[in-house]
Structure formats: structure tokens, C-alpha cells
Amino acid sequence: MRVTRPSSAEDAIWRAVEEAQCAGWTAKQFKREVAQAWKEQMERQAKWDADTLRK
């Protein structure tokens, strides 16, 4: 099955890539920023999950 309309997640990714390119970021900088943001999001989610389980 071929997707003809991008999802909102795909749109957000492309916007982030375009903004990074406009800001002059290298691919390495972009990867580092994405990895850091993902790590922070996962840490927040893990804390929320742990807090929820304690209730």
C-alpha cells in the first residue's frame, strides 16, 4: 500500500529538517539535537510512568 498523503509526524520531521538547514546546521548537529530531544522525551515519559505506577 502506497501512502499518498504524509502524516502529521512526517510533516513535522520535514519542517524540522528544513528549519535546521536554514539555520545552517550540519547533519551531525541535527542528529545530535534529535537524539538529545528523544532522550529527554523518553526520560520524561519514564518518570511519568513510574509516578503513575506509584499511585
Protein backbone atom coordinates (compact mmCIF):
# COMPACT_ATOMS: atom_id res chain seq x y z
CA MET A 1 0.00 0.00 0.00
CA ARG A 2 1.43 3.34 -1.01
CA VAL A 3 0.84 6.40 1.13
CA THR A 4 -0.10 9.40 -0.95
CA ARG A 5 -0.60 11.88 1.89
CA PRO A 6 2.11 12.38 4.52
CA SER A 7 1.20 12.04 8.18
CA SER A 8 1.48 14.93 10.61
CA ALA A 9 4.60 13.27 12.04
CA GLU A 10 6.23 13.21 8.60
CA ASP A 11 5.28 16.84 8.09
CA ALA A 12 6.83 17.77 11.44
CA ILE A 13 10.03 15.92 10.58
CA TRP A 14 10.38 17.70 7.25
CA ARG A 15 9.70 21.08 8.90
CA ALA A 16 12.44 20.35 11.45
CA VAL A 17 14.87 19.35 8.70
CA GLU A 18 14.10 22.49 6.70
CA GLU A 19 14.50 24.72 9.77
CA ALA A 20 17.81 23.07 10.64
CA GLN A 21 19.07 23.59 7.09
CA CYS A 22 18.01 27.25 7.17
CA ALA A 23 19.82 27.67 10.49
CA GLY A 24 22.98 26.27 8.91
CA TRP A 25 23.13 23.10 10.98
CA THR A 26 25.20 20.20 9.74
CA ALA A 27 23.70 16.72 9.51
CA LYS A 28 25.76 15.76 12.56
CA GLN A 29 24.37 18.67 14.60
CA PHE A 30 20.83 17.77 13.57
CA LYS A 31 21.31 14.13 14.55
CA ARG A 32 22.76 15.17 17.91
CA GLU A 33 19.83 17.53 18.63
CA VAL A 34 17.26 14.92 17.63
CA ALA A 35 18.95 12.28 19.79
CA GLN A 36 19.03 14.65 22.78
CA ALA A 37 15.38 15.61 22.34
CA TRP A 38 14.39 11.94 22.03
CA LYS A 39 16.37 11.07 25.19
CA GLU A 40 14.72 13.87 27.15
CA GLN A 41 11.26 12.82 25.95
CA MET A 42 11.89 9.20 26.93
CA GLU A 43 13.15 10.29 30.38
CA ARG A 44 10.02 12.41 30.93
CA GLN A 45 7.81 9.51 29.84
CA ALA A 46 9.63 7.06 32.12
CA LYS A 47 9.26 9.43 35.08
CA TRP A 48 5.55 9.89 34.34
CA ASP A 49 5.08 6.11 34.03
CA ALA A 50 6.91 5.50 37.33
CA ASP A 51 4.86 8.17 39.09
CA THR A 52 1.65 6.68 37.69
CA LEU A 53 2.57 3.18 38.91
CA ARG A 54 3.22 4.51 42.42
CA LYS A 55 -0.33 5.83 42.74
